[in-house]
N, C-alpha and C. Protein backbone atom coordinates (compact mmCIF):
# COMPACT_ATOMS: atom_id res chain seq x y z
N MET A 1 1.02 8.83 -23.32
CA MET A 1 1.85 7.67 -23.71
C MET A 1 1.23 6.43 -23.17
N THR A 2 1.18 5.44 -23.93
CA THR A 2 0.57 4.14 -23.50
C THR A 2 1.66 3.33 -22.78
N PRO A 3 1.35 2.73 -21.65
CA PRO A 3 2.26 1.88 -20.94
C PRO A 3 2.49 0.54 -21.67
N THR A 4 3.68 0.02 -21.52
CA THR A 4 3.96 -1.30 -22.10
C THR A 4 4.67 -2.15 -21.07
N VAL A 5 4.62 -3.44 -21.28
CA VAL A 5 5.24 -4.41 -20.32
C VAL A 5 6.76 -4.12 -20.26
N GLY A 6 7.23 -4.09 -19.08
CA GLY A 6 8.68 -3.89 -18.86
C GLY A 6 9.06 -2.44 -18.53
N ARG A 7 8.09 -1.51 -18.66
CA ARG A 7 8.39 -0.13 -18.34
C ARG A 7 8.38 0.13 -16.82
N ILE A 8 9.21 1.03 -16.41
CA ILE A 8 9.25 1.41 -14.99
C ILE A 8 8.31 2.65 -14.78
N VAL A 9 7.47 2.56 -13.73
CA VAL A 9 6.58 3.67 -13.40
C VAL A 9 6.67 3.90 -11.92
N HIS A 10 6.03 4.95 -11.43
CA HIS A 10 5.89 5.22 -9.99
C HIS A 10 4.49 4.82 -9.51
N PHE A 11 4.45 4.16 -8.35
CA PHE A 11 3.19 3.70 -7.80
C PHE A 11 2.99 4.48 -6.50
N TYR A 12 1.72 4.97 -6.32
CA TYR A 12 1.30 5.69 -5.13
C TYR A 12 0.12 4.95 -4.51
N THR A 13 -0.02 4.98 -3.20
CA THR A 13 -1.10 4.38 -2.48
C THR A 13 -1.54 5.20 -1.30
N ASP A 14 -2.86 5.24 -1.01
CA ASP A 14 -3.33 5.84 0.20
C ASP A 14 -3.41 4.87 1.31
N ASN A 15 -3.02 3.60 1.11
CA ASN A 15 -2.96 2.56 2.11
C ASN A 15 -1.53 2.06 2.27
N PRO A 16 -0.69 2.85 2.95
CA PRO A 16 0.69 2.45 3.05
C PRO A 16 0.96 1.27 4.01
N SER A 17 -0.09 0.69 4.60
CA SER A 17 0.11 -0.42 5.50
C SER A 17 0.71 -1.62 4.78
N LYS A 18 0.53 -1.75 3.49
CA LYS A 18 1.14 -2.82 2.72
C LYS A 18 2.57 -2.45 2.36
N GLN A 19 2.88 -1.14 2.30
CA GLN A 19 4.20 -0.67 1.97
C GLN A 19 4.81 -0.22 3.29
N THR A 20 5.95 -0.81 3.69
CA THR A 20 6.51 -0.50 5.03
C THR A 20 7.93 0.09 4.87
N ASN A 21 8.53 0.26 6.00
CA ASN A 21 9.94 0.76 6.10
C ASN A 21 10.07 2.22 5.74
N GLY A 22 9.06 3.04 6.04
CA GLY A 22 9.19 4.50 5.93
C GLY A 22 8.87 5.15 4.63
N ALA A 23 8.52 4.44 3.59
CA ALA A 23 8.28 5.14 2.34
C ALA A 23 6.88 5.72 2.25
N GLY A 24 5.95 5.36 3.15
CA GLY A 24 4.67 5.94 3.20
C GLY A 24 3.83 5.73 1.95
N THR A 25 3.22 6.82 1.43
CA THR A 25 2.32 6.67 0.29
C THR A 25 3.01 6.58 -1.06
N GLY A 26 4.28 6.80 -1.11
CA GLY A 26 5.08 6.69 -2.40
C GLY A 26 5.78 7.92 -2.71
N PRO A 27 6.49 7.95 -3.81
CA PRO A 27 6.43 6.98 -4.87
C PRO A 27 7.21 5.70 -4.61
N TYR A 28 6.76 4.62 -5.19
CA TYR A 28 7.49 3.35 -5.20
C TYR A 28 7.81 3.01 -6.67
N ALA A 29 8.99 2.54 -6.88
CA ALA A 29 9.36 2.05 -8.20
C ALA A 29 8.52 0.82 -8.50
N ALA A 30 7.99 0.71 -9.69
CA ALA A 30 7.22 -0.45 -10.04
C ALA A 30 7.45 -0.82 -11.50
N LEU A 31 7.39 -2.09 -11.80
CA LEU A 31 7.57 -2.65 -13.15
C LEU A 31 6.22 -3.05 -13.68
N VAL A 32 5.92 -2.59 -14.89
CA VAL A 32 4.64 -2.99 -15.50
C VAL A 32 4.73 -4.41 -15.98
N THR A 33 3.85 -5.29 -15.51
CA THR A 33 3.86 -6.67 -15.88
C THR A 33 2.74 -7.11 -16.83
N GLN A 34 1.69 -6.26 -16.87
CA GLN A 34 0.57 -6.56 -17.83
C GLN A 34 -0.19 -5.26 -18.06
N VAL A 35 -0.76 -5.10 -19.26
CA VAL A 35 -1.47 -3.87 -19.61
C VAL A 35 -2.83 -4.27 -20.12
N PHE A 36 -3.84 -3.52 -19.64
CA PHE A 36 -5.21 -3.65 -20.11
C PHE A 36 -5.69 -2.28 -20.59
N SER A 37 -6.39 -2.22 -21.69
CA SER A 37 -6.92 -0.95 -22.17
C SER A 37 -8.45 -0.94 -22.11
N ALA A 38 -9.00 0.15 -21.67
CA ALA A 38 -10.47 0.36 -21.59
C ALA A 38 -10.72 1.73 -22.03
N GLY A 39 -10.70 1.92 -23.36
CA GLY A 39 -10.87 3.27 -23.91
C GLY A 39 -9.59 4.10 -23.58
N ALA A 40 -9.84 5.29 -23.01
CA ALA A 40 -8.71 6.15 -22.66
C ALA A 40 -7.97 5.70 -21.44
N GLU A 41 -8.66 4.82 -20.63
CA GLU A 41 -8.03 4.35 -19.38
C GLU A 41 -7.15 3.19 -19.67
N ASN A 42 -5.99 3.18 -18.99
CA ASN A 42 -5.07 2.04 -19.08
C ASN A 42 -4.90 1.47 -17.71
N TYR A 43 -5.31 0.21 -17.54
CA TYR A 43 -5.07 -0.46 -16.29
C TYR A 43 -3.82 -1.26 -16.46
N VAL A 44 -3.00 -1.35 -15.36
CA VAL A 44 -1.79 -2.13 -15.45
C VAL A 44 -1.69 -3.01 -14.20
N ASN A 45 -1.01 -4.15 -14.35
CA ASN A 45 -0.57 -4.92 -13.21
C ASN A 45 0.87 -4.54 -12.95
N LEU A 46 1.22 -4.41 -11.66
CA LEU A 46 2.57 -3.94 -11.33
C LEU A 46 3.24 -4.87 -10.38
N LYS A 47 4.57 -4.94 -10.47
CA LYS A 47 5.42 -5.52 -9.49
C LYS A 47 6.05 -4.34 -8.75
N VAL A 48 5.65 -4.05 -7.55
CA VAL A 48 6.02 -2.88 -6.77
C VAL A 48 7.24 -3.19 -5.93
N PHE A 49 8.30 -2.43 -6.03
CA PHE A 49 9.51 -2.66 -5.27
C PHE A 49 9.47 -1.83 -3.95
N ARG A 50 9.34 -2.50 -2.82
CA ARG A 50 9.32 -1.83 -1.54
C ARG A 50 10.79 -1.61 -1.11
N PRO A 51 10.99 -0.79 -0.13
CA PRO A 51 12.35 -0.60 0.38
C PRO A 51 12.95 -1.92 0.82
N TYR A 52 14.22 -2.02 0.68
CA TYR A 52 15.03 -3.22 1.05
C TYR A 52 14.76 -4.45 0.19
N GLY A 53 14.32 -4.21 -1.04
CA GLY A 53 14.25 -5.26 -2.04
C GLY A 53 13.02 -6.18 -2.02
N GLU A 54 12.10 -5.94 -1.10
CA GLU A 54 10.86 -6.73 -1.09
C GLU A 54 9.96 -6.27 -2.21
N THR A 55 9.18 -7.14 -2.77
CA THR A 55 8.21 -6.78 -3.83
C THR A 55 6.78 -7.24 -3.46
N ILE A 56 5.85 -6.51 -3.99
CA ILE A 56 4.44 -6.94 -3.90
C ILE A 56 3.79 -6.76 -5.26
N ASP A 57 2.71 -7.48 -5.49
CA ASP A 57 1.95 -7.37 -6.71
C ASP A 57 0.74 -6.50 -6.48
N GLU A 58 0.51 -5.58 -7.41
CA GLU A 58 -0.68 -4.73 -7.38
C GLU A 58 -1.38 -4.89 -8.74
N GLY A 59 -2.64 -5.29 -8.72
CA GLY A 59 -3.35 -5.54 -9.93
C GLY A 59 -4.39 -4.43 -10.26
N CYS A 60 -4.62 -4.31 -11.56
CA CYS A 60 -5.61 -3.33 -12.09
C CYS A 60 -5.43 -1.93 -11.52
N VAL A 61 -4.25 -1.38 -11.66
CA VAL A 61 -3.95 -0.06 -11.16
C VAL A 61 -4.14 0.93 -12.33
N LYS A 62 -4.90 1.98 -12.07
CA LYS A 62 -5.19 3.02 -13.09
C LYS A 62 -4.13 4.12 -13.07
N HIS A 63 -4.01 4.80 -14.19
CA HIS A 63 -3.17 6.00 -14.25
C HIS A 63 -3.74 7.10 -13.36
N GLU A 64 -2.89 7.98 -12.91
CA GLU A 64 -3.26 9.02 -11.95
C GLU A 64 -4.56 9.76 -12.33
N GLU A 65 -4.75 10.15 -13.57
CA GLU A 65 -5.86 10.97 -14.01
C GLU A 65 -7.19 10.22 -13.84
N PHE A 66 -7.14 8.84 -13.76
CA PHE A 66 -8.34 8.06 -13.60
C PHE A 66 -8.44 7.38 -12.23
N GLY A 67 -7.30 7.21 -11.59
CA GLY A 67 -7.26 6.38 -10.37
C GLY A 67 -7.05 7.08 -9.05
N ARG A 68 -6.83 8.38 -9.04
CA ARG A 68 -6.53 9.10 -7.79
C ARG A 68 -7.65 8.86 -6.82
N GLU A 69 -8.91 8.85 -7.23
CA GLU A 69 -10.04 8.70 -6.30
C GLU A 69 -10.04 7.22 -5.72
N ASP A 70 -9.39 6.31 -6.41
CA ASP A 70 -9.31 4.91 -5.86
C ASP A 70 -8.30 4.78 -4.77
N GLY A 71 -7.45 5.77 -4.58
CA GLY A 71 -6.41 5.71 -3.54
C GLY A 71 -5.18 4.99 -3.93
N ARG A 72 -5.07 4.53 -5.16
CA ARG A 72 -3.84 3.89 -5.69
C ARG A 72 -3.79 4.15 -7.16
N TYR A 73 -2.60 4.54 -7.58
CA TYR A 73 -2.45 4.88 -9.05
C TYR A 73 -0.99 4.86 -9.44
N TRP A 74 -0.76 4.90 -10.73
CA TRP A 74 0.59 4.93 -11.25
C TRP A 74 0.79 6.21 -12.04
N VAL A 75 2.07 6.64 -12.14
CA VAL A 75 2.44 7.84 -12.98
C VAL A 75 3.80 7.55 -13.64
N TRP A 76 4.03 8.26 -14.70
CA TRP A 76 5.35 8.15 -15.31
C TRP A 76 6.39 8.89 -14.44
N PRO A 77 7.58 8.35 -14.31
CA PRO A 77 8.60 9.08 -13.50
C PRO A 77 8.96 10.40 -14.17
N PRO A 78 9.30 11.41 -13.35
CA PRO A 78 9.71 12.70 -13.96
C PRO A 78 10.96 12.53 -14.79
N ARG A 79 11.07 13.32 -15.84
CA ARG A 79 12.27 13.35 -16.66
C ARG A 79 13.19 14.42 -16.14
N GLU A 80 14.47 14.11 -16.09
CA GLU A 80 15.44 15.10 -15.64
C GLU A 80 16.45 15.41 -16.68
């Protein structure tokens, strides 16, 4: 599925120093603010919601299948 602006995704990071208050590597709720396509890869800019309402911007984040080696990536939330 192709991401679109306004969709909610989960953000993970191997550098939790930017994300504080006990959430660690994720998942963090994130809002897609911009989408870039490069073939099968989809890069997105995210507004990441940290615990207690703080937000940070993360740019050029790849989907998990392409970005896990980068240490930061996004995934679709699980369906229940």
